[in-house]
């Protein structure tokens, strides 16, 4: 089993991409080459407690929804 030691800065940046920038865990996992299990573990360790309280980052949510819309539109266009 291969174990990689990532710096706390790397972990915090990964968590920031998920919590603040609104990227899905799976996408960040693929881009960084880190397991989703590790990302969820890092989220528990490094996520801002205020972000966990249910406060919604509307800008991040809007970006996520726009990406989802583009993806769905592309899929629809491919099928037509």
Protein backbone atom coordinates (compact mmCIF):
# COMPACT_ATOMS: atom_id res chain seq x y z
CA UNK A 1 0.00 0.00 0.00
CA UNK A 2 1.39 3.37 -1.01
CA UNK A 3 0.95 6.24 1.39
CA UNK A 4 1.61 9.82 0.45
CA UNK A 5 2.14 12.55 2.95
CA UNK A 6 0.52 15.73 1.78
CA UNK A 7 1.27 19.02 3.49
CA UNK A 8 -1.42 20.73 5.52
CA UNK A 9 -1.36 23.58 2.97
CA UNK A 10 -2.13 21.12 0.17
CA UNK A 11 -4.99 19.64 2.20
CA UNK A 12 -6.39 23.07 3.06
CA UNK A 13 -6.24 24.09 -0.60
CA UNK A 14 -8.14 20.95 -1.60
CA UNK A 15 -10.78 21.66 1.07
CA UNK A 16 -10.96 25.29 -0.10
CA UNK A 17 -11.71 24.15 -3.65
CA UNK A 18 -14.66 22.13 -2.35
CA UNK A 19 -16.07 24.44 0.31
CA UNK A 20 -15.41 27.89 -1.09
CA UNK A 21 -15.01 27.47 -4.84
CA UNK A 22 -17.82 24.93 -5.05
CA UNK A 23 -16.12 22.12 -6.95
CA UNK A 24 -17.53 18.62 -6.43
CA UNK A 25 -15.46 16.22 -4.32
CA UNK A 26 -15.18 13.76 -7.21
CA UNK A 27 -13.79 16.39 -9.56
CA UNK A 28 -11.20 17.60 -7.04
CA UNK A 29 -10.29 13.98 -6.33
CA UNK A 30 -9.60 13.26 -10.00
CA UNK A 31 -7.73 16.52 -10.59
CA UNK A 32 -5.45 16.16 -7.57
CA UNK A 33 -5.05 12.39 -7.69
CA UNK A 34 -6.36 11.99 -4.15
CA UNK A 35 -9.01 9.52 -3.03
CA UNK A 36 -12.47 10.83 -2.18
CA UNK A 37 -12.07 9.12 1.20
CA UNK A 38 -9.05 11.34 1.94
CA UNK A 39 -10.88 14.46 0.81
CA UNK A 40 -13.84 13.77 3.09
CA UNK A 41 -11.43 13.15 5.96
CA UNK A 42 -9.67 16.45 5.22
CA UNK A 43 -13.04 18.20 5.07
CA UNK A 44 -13.72 17.09 8.63
CA UNK A 45 -10.30 18.30 9.75
CA UNK A 46 -9.92 21.57 7.87
CA UNK A 47 -13.35 22.84 6.86
CA UNK A 48 -14.39 26.11 8.42
CA UNK A 49 -16.89 25.45 11.23
CA UNK A 50 -19.07 28.26 9.87
CA UNK A 51 -19.25 26.53 6.50
CA UNK A 52 -20.50 23.40 8.27
CA UNK A 53 -23.25 25.29 10.07
CA UNK A 54 -25.45 25.45 6.99
CA UNK A 55 -24.44 28.87 5.70
CA UNK A 56 -24.69 28.74 1.93
CA UNK A 57 -22.04 30.29 -0.28
CA UNK A 58 -24.38 31.49 -3.00
CA UNK A 59 -21.61 32.37 -5.44
CA UNK A 60 -20.11 28.88 -5.18
CA UNK A 61 -23.54 27.32 -5.55
CA UNK A 62 -24.24 29.44 -8.64
CA UNK A 63 -20.92 28.38 -10.19
CA UNK A 64 -21.68 24.73 -9.48
CA UNK A 65 -25.16 25.01 -10.97
CA UNK A 66 -23.84 26.78 -14.08
CA UNK A 67 -21.28 24.00 -14.62
CA UNK A 68 -24.04 21.42 -14.17
CA UNK A 69 -26.23 23.27 -16.69
CA UNK A 70 -23.42 23.38 -19.27
CA UNK A 71 -22.82 19.66 -18.79
CA UNK A 72 -26.54 18.82 -19.15
CA UNK A 73 -26.83 21.04 -22.24
CA UNK A 74 -23.83 19.32 -23.84
CA UNK A 75 -25.34 15.90 -23.13
CA UNK A 76 -28.66 16.99 -24.62
CA UNK A 77 -26.97 18.34 -27.74
CA UNK A 78 -25.03 15.10 -28.20
CA UNK A 79 -28.24 13.07 -28.04
CA UNK A 80 -30.02 15.25 -30.62
